[in-house]
N, C-alpha and C. Protein backbone atom coordinates (compact mmCIF):
# COMPACT_ATOMS: atom_id res chain seq x y z
N MET A 1 102.12 87.81 73.41
CA MET A 1 103.45 88.23 73.03
C MET A 1 104.46 87.31 73.71
N GLN A 2 105.37 86.76 72.95
CA GLN A 2 106.40 85.88 73.48
C GLN A 2 107.56 86.70 74.03
N PRO A 3 108.18 86.25 75.15
CA PRO A 3 109.36 86.96 75.63
C PRO A 3 110.45 86.92 74.56
N CYS A 4 111.22 87.98 74.46
CA CYS A 4 112.26 88.01 73.45
C CYS A 4 113.45 87.19 73.90
N SER A 5 114.24 86.79 72.96
CA SER A 5 115.47 86.07 73.27
C SER A 5 116.50 87.09 73.72
N ALA A 6 117.66 86.62 74.07
CA ALA A 6 118.72 87.52 74.52
C ALA A 6 119.55 88.02 73.34
N ALA A 7 118.99 87.96 72.13
CA ALA A 7 119.74 88.37 70.94
C ALA A 7 120.31 89.78 71.07
N GLY A 8 119.56 90.71 71.62
CA GLY A 8 120.04 92.07 71.76
C GLY A 8 120.58 92.38 73.14
N ALA A 9 120.64 91.38 74.01
CA ALA A 9 121.04 91.61 75.40
C ALA A 9 122.46 92.13 75.53
N ASP A 10 123.39 91.61 74.71
CA ASP A 10 124.76 92.06 74.81
C ASP A 10 124.87 93.55 74.47
N LEU A 11 124.11 94.00 73.50
CA LEU A 11 124.10 95.42 73.13
C LEU A 11 123.50 96.26 74.26
N ALA A 12 122.41 95.78 74.85
CA ALA A 12 121.74 96.54 75.91
C ALA A 12 122.60 96.66 77.17
N LEU A 13 123.39 95.64 77.46
CA LEU A 13 124.21 95.68 78.68
C LEU A 13 125.20 96.84 78.67
N ARG A 14 125.62 97.25 77.49
CA ARG A 14 126.56 98.37 77.41
C ARG A 14 125.91 99.68 77.81
N TYR A 15 124.60 99.73 77.84
CA TYR A 15 123.89 100.98 78.12
C TYR A 15 123.11 100.93 79.42
N ARG A 16 123.42 100.01 80.31
CA ARG A 16 122.77 99.94 81.61
C ARG A 16 123.29 101.07 82.49
N PRO A 17 122.43 101.58 83.36
CA PRO A 17 122.89 102.68 84.23
C PRO A 17 123.81 102.18 85.33
N ARG A 18 124.68 103.05 85.78
CA ARG A 18 125.46 102.78 86.98
C ARG A 18 124.58 103.24 88.12
N PHE A 19 124.33 102.37 89.07
CA PHE A 19 123.45 102.74 90.16
C PHE A 19 124.11 103.77 91.06
N MET A 20 123.27 104.57 91.65
CA MET A 20 123.78 105.61 92.54
C MET A 20 124.55 104.93 93.67
N SER A 21 125.48 105.65 94.24
CA SER A 21 126.35 105.06 95.25
C SER A 21 125.77 105.14 96.65
N ASP A 22 124.47 105.31 96.77
CA ASP A 22 123.84 105.35 98.09
C ASP A 22 124.09 104.04 98.84
N ALA A 23 124.01 104.11 100.14
CA ALA A 23 124.24 102.92 100.96
C ALA A 23 123.09 101.93 100.85
N ILE A 24 121.93 102.38 100.40
CA ILE A 24 120.76 101.52 100.28
C ILE A 24 120.50 101.19 98.82
N HIS A 25 120.25 99.93 98.57
CA HIS A 25 119.87 99.47 97.23
C HIS A 25 118.50 98.81 97.36
N TYR A 26 117.62 99.08 96.41
CA TYR A 26 116.30 98.48 96.41
C TYR A 26 116.28 97.35 95.40
N ALA A 27 115.97 96.15 95.87
CA ALA A 27 115.89 94.97 95.00
C ALA A 27 114.48 94.85 94.45
N CYS A 28 114.37 94.87 93.16
CA CYS A 28 113.07 94.76 92.48
C CYS A 28 112.42 93.41 92.80
N GLN A 29 111.14 93.44 93.10
CA GLN A 29 110.37 92.23 93.37
C GLN A 29 109.44 91.91 92.20
N ARG A 30 109.57 92.68 91.14
CA ARG A 30 108.75 92.53 89.93
C ARG A 30 107.25 92.61 90.25
N CYS A 31 106.91 93.61 91.08
CA CYS A 31 105.50 93.85 91.41
C CYS A 31 104.76 94.50 90.24
N THR A 32 105.48 95.08 89.32
CA THR A 32 105.00 95.75 88.10
C THR A 32 104.28 97.07 88.34
N ALA A 33 104.36 97.61 89.55
CA ALA A 33 103.72 98.91 89.81
C ALA A 33 104.31 99.99 88.91
N CYS A 34 105.61 99.98 88.72
CA CYS A 34 106.24 101.00 87.87
C CYS A 34 105.86 100.81 86.41
N CYS A 35 105.53 99.60 86.02
CA CYS A 35 105.14 99.30 84.63
C CYS A 35 103.71 99.77 84.33
N ARG A 36 102.98 100.09 85.38
CA ARG A 36 101.58 100.52 85.24
C ARG A 36 101.39 101.99 85.60
N TRP A 37 102.48 102.66 85.98
CA TRP A 37 102.41 104.05 86.44
C TRP A 37 102.24 104.99 85.24
N PRO A 38 101.38 106.02 85.37
CA PRO A 38 101.22 106.99 84.27
C PRO A 38 102.54 107.68 83.95
N GLY A 39 102.76 107.95 82.71
CA GLY A 39 103.98 108.61 82.27
C GLY A 39 104.47 107.98 80.99
N PHE A 40 105.78 108.01 80.79
CA PHE A 40 106.31 107.40 79.58
C PHE A 40 107.68 106.80 79.85
N VAL A 41 108.03 105.84 79.04
CA VAL A 41 109.34 105.20 79.11
C VAL A 41 110.14 105.65 77.91
N LYS A 42 111.17 106.46 78.17
CA LYS A 42 112.04 106.96 77.10
C LYS A 42 112.84 105.81 76.50
N VAL A 43 113.03 105.86 75.19
CA VAL A 43 113.92 104.90 74.54
C VAL A 43 114.84 105.66 73.59
N GLY A 44 116.12 105.37 73.69
CA GLY A 44 117.11 105.99 72.83
C GLY A 44 117.55 105.04 71.73
N ASP A 45 118.47 105.47 70.92
CA ASP A 45 118.92 104.69 69.77
C ASP A 45 119.42 103.30 70.14
N ALA A 46 120.27 103.22 71.16
CA ALA A 46 120.83 101.92 71.56
C ALA A 46 119.74 100.98 72.07
N GLU A 47 118.80 101.53 72.83
CA GLU A 47 117.70 100.71 73.35
C GLU A 47 116.80 100.23 72.22
N ILE A 48 116.53 101.12 71.28
CA ILE A 48 115.71 100.75 70.12
C ILE A 48 116.38 99.60 69.36
N ALA A 49 117.68 99.71 69.14
CA ALA A 49 118.42 98.67 68.43
C ALA A 49 118.35 97.34 69.18
N ALA A 50 118.57 97.38 70.49
CA ALA A 50 118.58 96.15 71.29
C ALA A 50 117.20 95.50 71.34
N ILE A 51 116.16 96.31 71.58
CA ILE A 51 114.81 95.75 71.68
C ILE A 51 114.36 95.21 70.32
N ALA A 52 114.63 95.96 69.26
CA ALA A 52 114.26 95.50 67.92
C ALA A 52 114.94 94.17 67.61
N ALA A 53 116.23 94.06 67.90
CA ALA A 53 116.95 92.81 67.66
C ALA A 53 116.37 91.67 68.48
N CYS A 54 116.05 91.96 69.72
CA CYS A 54 115.47 90.96 70.62
C CYS A 54 114.13 90.46 70.08
N LEU A 55 113.34 91.34 69.50
CA LEU A 55 112.02 90.98 68.97
C LEU A 55 112.09 90.46 67.54
N GLY A 56 113.27 90.52 66.94
CA GLY A 56 113.42 90.07 65.56
C GLY A 56 112.79 91.02 64.55
N LEU A 57 112.81 92.32 64.89
CA LEU A 57 112.24 93.34 64.00
C LEU A 57 113.33 94.27 63.50
N SER A 58 113.06 94.95 62.42
CA SER A 58 113.97 96.02 62.01
C SER A 58 113.71 97.18 62.97
N GLU A 59 114.67 98.08 63.09
CA GLU A 59 114.48 99.23 63.96
C GLU A 59 113.30 100.07 63.48
N HIS A 60 113.17 100.23 62.19
CA HIS A 60 112.05 101.00 61.63
C HIS A 60 110.72 100.37 62.03
N ASP A 61 110.58 99.06 61.87
CA ASP A 61 109.33 98.39 62.22
C ASP A 61 109.04 98.50 63.73
N PHE A 62 110.08 98.35 64.54
CA PHE A 62 109.90 98.49 65.99
C PHE A 62 109.39 99.89 66.33
N ILE A 63 110.02 100.92 65.77
CA ILE A 63 109.62 102.30 66.04
C ILE A 63 108.17 102.53 65.63
N GLN A 64 107.80 102.06 64.45
CA GLN A 64 106.43 102.26 63.96
C GLN A 64 105.40 101.53 64.81
N ARG A 65 105.74 100.36 65.29
CA ARG A 65 104.78 99.53 66.01
C ARG A 65 104.69 99.82 67.51
N TYR A 66 105.82 100.15 68.14
CA TYR A 66 105.86 100.20 69.60
C TYR A 66 106.26 101.53 70.24
N THR A 67 106.45 102.58 69.46
CA THR A 67 106.84 103.85 70.07
C THR A 67 105.92 104.99 69.65
N ARG A 68 106.05 106.09 70.39
CA ARG A 68 105.32 107.33 70.09
C ARG A 68 106.28 108.48 70.32
N LEU A 69 105.96 109.61 69.75
CA LEU A 69 106.74 110.81 69.97
C LEU A 69 106.39 111.34 71.36
N ARG A 70 107.41 111.68 72.15
CA ARG A 70 107.14 112.21 73.49
C ARG A 70 106.47 113.57 73.38
N ALA A 71 105.72 113.93 74.40
CA ALA A 71 104.91 115.15 74.40
C ALA A 71 105.71 116.40 74.04
N GLN A 72 106.93 116.48 74.51
CA GLN A 72 107.74 117.67 74.23
C GLN A 72 108.51 117.55 72.91
N ARG A 73 108.21 116.50 72.17
CA ARG A 73 108.80 116.25 70.86
C ARG A 73 110.33 116.17 70.94
N ASP A 74 110.83 115.60 72.04
CA ASP A 74 112.27 115.52 72.25
C ASP A 74 112.78 114.08 72.23
N GLY A 75 112.03 113.20 71.64
CA GLY A 75 112.47 111.81 71.54
C GLY A 75 111.28 110.86 71.52
N LEU A 76 111.59 109.59 71.58
CA LEU A 76 110.56 108.56 71.53
C LEU A 76 110.33 107.92 72.89
N ALA A 77 109.13 107.37 73.06
CA ALA A 77 108.77 106.62 74.26
C ALA A 77 108.00 105.39 73.82
N LEU A 78 107.99 104.38 74.68
CA LEU A 78 107.19 103.19 74.40
C LEU A 78 105.71 103.55 74.50
N ILE A 79 104.89 102.88 73.71
CA ILE A 79 103.45 103.12 73.79
C ILE A 79 102.87 102.34 74.97
N ASP A 80 101.68 102.72 75.38
CA ASP A 80 100.96 102.01 76.43
C ASP A 80 100.05 100.98 75.79
N LYS A 81 99.54 100.08 76.62
CA LYS A 81 98.56 99.09 76.16
C LYS A 81 97.19 99.72 76.16
N GLY A 82 96.57 99.83 75.02
CA GLY A 82 95.21 100.37 74.94
C GLY A 82 95.06 101.69 75.64
N ASP A 83 94.01 101.82 76.45
CA ASP A 83 93.74 103.06 77.18
C ASP A 83 94.35 103.07 78.58
N SER A 84 95.04 102.00 78.95
CA SER A 84 95.65 101.94 80.28
C SER A 84 97.01 102.63 80.26
N HIS A 85 97.62 102.70 81.41
CA HIS A 85 98.98 103.25 81.51
C HIS A 85 100.00 102.11 81.47
N GLU A 86 99.52 100.90 81.30
CA GLU A 86 100.38 99.71 81.34
C GLU A 86 101.32 99.65 80.15
N CYS A 87 102.57 99.29 80.40
CA CYS A 87 103.56 99.16 79.33
C CYS A 87 103.12 98.11 78.32
N ILE A 88 103.36 98.39 77.07
CA ILE A 88 103.01 97.48 75.98
C ILE A 88 103.71 96.13 76.13
N PHE A 89 104.86 96.09 76.79
CA PHE A 89 105.61 94.84 76.92
C PHE A 89 105.36 94.11 78.24
N LEU A 90 104.41 94.59 79.02
CA LEU A 90 104.05 93.90 80.26
C LEU A 90 103.07 92.79 79.93
N ASP A 91 103.41 91.58 80.32
CA ASP A 91 102.57 90.41 80.07
C ASP A 91 102.24 89.79 81.42
N GLY A 92 101.11 90.18 81.99
CA GLY A 92 100.79 89.75 83.36
C GLY A 92 101.73 90.44 84.32
N ARG A 93 102.59 89.66 84.98
CA ARG A 93 103.59 90.21 85.88
C ARG A 93 105.00 90.03 85.31
N ASP A 94 105.08 89.78 84.01
CA ASP A 94 106.38 89.57 83.38
C ASP A 94 106.64 90.61 82.30
N CYS A 95 107.91 90.96 82.15
CA CYS A 95 108.34 91.87 81.08
C CYS A 95 108.79 90.99 79.92
N SER A 96 108.15 91.15 78.78
CA SER A 96 108.50 90.30 77.64
C SER A 96 109.82 90.72 76.98
N ILE A 97 110.40 91.84 77.41
CA ILE A 97 111.71 92.26 76.92
C ILE A 97 112.71 92.41 78.08
N GLN A 98 112.52 91.63 79.12
CA GLN A 98 113.34 91.72 80.34
C GLN A 98 114.84 91.76 80.03
N ALA A 99 115.29 90.93 79.11
CA ALA A 99 116.72 90.85 78.80
C ALA A 99 117.28 92.15 78.25
N VAL A 100 116.44 93.00 77.66
CA VAL A 100 116.91 94.23 77.02
C VAL A 100 116.05 95.43 77.41
N LYS A 101 115.42 95.37 78.56
CA LYS A 101 114.51 96.46 78.93
C LYS A 101 115.24 97.80 78.98
N PRO A 102 114.51 98.89 78.75
CA PRO A 102 115.15 100.22 78.72
C PRO A 102 115.85 100.58 80.03
N VAL A 103 116.85 101.43 79.91
CA VAL A 103 117.62 101.91 81.07
C VAL A 103 116.68 102.48 82.13
N GLN A 104 115.67 103.21 81.72
CA GLN A 104 114.73 103.81 82.67
C GLN A 104 114.09 102.73 83.52
N CYS A 105 113.70 101.63 82.92
CA CYS A 105 113.07 100.53 83.65
C CYS A 105 114.07 99.84 84.58
N ALA A 106 115.25 99.56 84.05
CA ALA A 106 116.28 98.87 84.83
C ALA A 106 116.71 99.68 86.05
N GLY A 107 116.65 101.00 85.95
CA GLY A 107 117.12 101.84 87.04
C GLY A 107 116.14 102.10 88.16
N PHE A 108 114.87 101.81 87.94
CA PHE A 108 113.86 102.12 88.96
C PHE A 108 113.95 101.14 90.11
N PRO A 109 113.89 101.55 91.36
CA PRO A 109 113.80 102.90 91.89
C PRO A 109 115.15 103.46 92.33
N ASN A 110 116.25 102.80 91.94
CA ASN A 110 117.57 103.20 92.42
C ASN A 110 118.16 104.42 91.73
N THR A 111 117.92 104.59 90.46
CA THR A 111 118.49 105.75 89.76
C THR A 111 117.46 106.85 89.55
N TRP A 112 116.20 106.53 89.68
CA TRP A 112 115.13 107.52 89.59
C TRP A 112 113.89 106.92 90.24
N ASN A 113 112.98 107.78 90.65
CA ASN A 113 111.69 107.35 91.17
C ASN A 113 110.76 108.55 91.13
N PHE A 114 109.55 108.38 91.60
CA PHE A 114 108.56 109.45 91.57
C PHE A 114 107.97 109.64 92.96
N PRO A 115 107.39 110.81 93.24
CA PRO A 115 106.80 111.04 94.56
C PRO A 115 105.75 109.97 94.87
N GLY A 116 105.84 109.38 96.05
CA GLY A 116 104.88 108.37 96.47
C GLY A 116 105.20 106.96 96.00
N TRP A 117 106.37 106.76 95.40
CA TRP A 117 106.68 105.43 94.85
C TRP A 117 106.72 104.35 95.91
N ARG A 118 107.12 104.67 97.13
CA ARG A 118 107.20 103.65 98.20
C ARG A 118 105.82 103.10 98.56
N GLU A 119 104.75 103.87 98.32
CA GLU A 119 103.40 103.39 98.63
C GLU A 119 102.93 102.34 97.63
N VAL A 120 103.50 102.31 96.43
CA VAL A 120 103.02 101.38 95.41
C VAL A 120 104.06 100.33 95.02
N CYS A 121 105.32 100.56 95.31
CA CYS A 121 106.39 99.67 94.88
C CYS A 121 106.77 98.70 96.00
N GLU A 122 106.97 97.43 95.64
CA GLU A 122 107.32 96.40 96.61
C GLU A 122 108.82 96.12 96.70
N ALA A 123 109.65 96.98 96.10
CA ALA A 123 111.10 96.78 96.14
C ALA A 123 111.58 96.69 97.59
N VAL A 124 112.53 95.81 97.82
CA VAL A 124 113.03 95.55 99.17
C VAL A 124 114.36 96.26 99.37
N PRO A 125 114.42 97.13 100.41
CA PRO A 125 115.68 97.84 100.65
C PRO A 125 116.71 96.94 101.34
N SER A 126 117.97 97.14 101.00
CA SER A 126 119.05 96.43 101.67
C SER A 126 120.29 97.32 101.63
N ARG A 127 121.19 97.08 102.54
CA ARG A 127 122.44 97.84 102.56
C ARG A 127 123.36 97.29 101.50
N ARG A 128 124.03 98.20 100.82
CA ARG A 128 125.02 97.76 99.83
C ARG A 128 126.26 97.30 100.57
N PRO A 129 126.85 96.21 100.12
CA PRO A 129 128.12 95.80 100.74
C PRO A 129 129.21 96.81 100.36
N ALA A 130 130.18 96.95 101.23
CA ALA A 130 131.31 97.85 100.93
C ALA A 130 132.05 97.30 99.72
N PRO A 131 132.47 98.17 98.82
CA PRO A 131 133.19 97.69 97.63
C PRO A 131 134.51 97.04 98.01
N ARG A 132 134.86 96.00 97.30
CA ARG A 132 136.13 95.32 97.55
C ARG A 132 137.22 96.05 96.77
N SER A 133 138.36 96.14 97.36
CA SER A 133 139.49 96.78 96.69
C SER A 133 140.05 95.85 95.62
N ALA A 134 140.25 96.37 94.44
CA ALA A 134 140.79 95.57 93.34
C ALA A 134 142.28 95.30 93.55
N ASN A 135 142.92 96.04 94.45
CA ASN A 135 144.35 95.88 94.65
C ASN A 135 144.70 94.87 95.73
N LYS A 136 143.73 94.40 96.46
CA LYS A 136 144.01 93.45 97.55
C LYS A 136 143.87 92.03 97.03
N CYS A 137 144.89 91.24 97.25
CA CYS A 137 144.86 89.83 96.90
C CYS A 137 145.30 89.04 98.11
N THR A 138 144.75 87.88 98.24
CA THR A 138 145.15 86.99 99.33
C THR A 138 145.55 85.65 98.72
N ALA A 139 146.78 85.26 98.97
CA ALA A 139 147.25 83.99 98.43
C ALA A 139 146.71 82.84 99.30
N PRO A 140 146.28 81.77 98.67
CA PRO A 140 145.81 80.62 99.46
C PRO A 140 146.97 79.96 100.20
N ALA A 141 146.64 79.35 101.32
CA ALA A 141 147.66 78.63 102.08
C ALA A 141 148.09 77.40 101.29
N VAL A 142 149.40 77.11 101.32
CA VAL A 142 149.93 75.94 100.58
C VAL A 142 150.33 74.86 101.53
């Protein structure tokens, strides 16, 4: 599977999560542990549109080929690769839809995580810098 282009990236950026305001931010190291964890990756309408565009598919074809109905019948999720729990878009240690990956993927582990995630995830914790005030300006010396 070839990585997708950024064709749908502009659409996907509008639906990225706002990270929690905790003082600690975890920087993804692309260890892919979350991509192999049992469960499902929810995809909504905007994500379906962005991923389908990125892959050069119609939304209908994308849904038929790469999604399944979630167990509670409350939406769609990406399918797994074969009998594993591995994401269908995981190619070795790379995400073939990185530019438009689902909000759930982009938010891990900062906006959501699962019990025991620190034992399997290689994300590196760091302190968030204090936000800069938009009202403060400093004129350069002349």
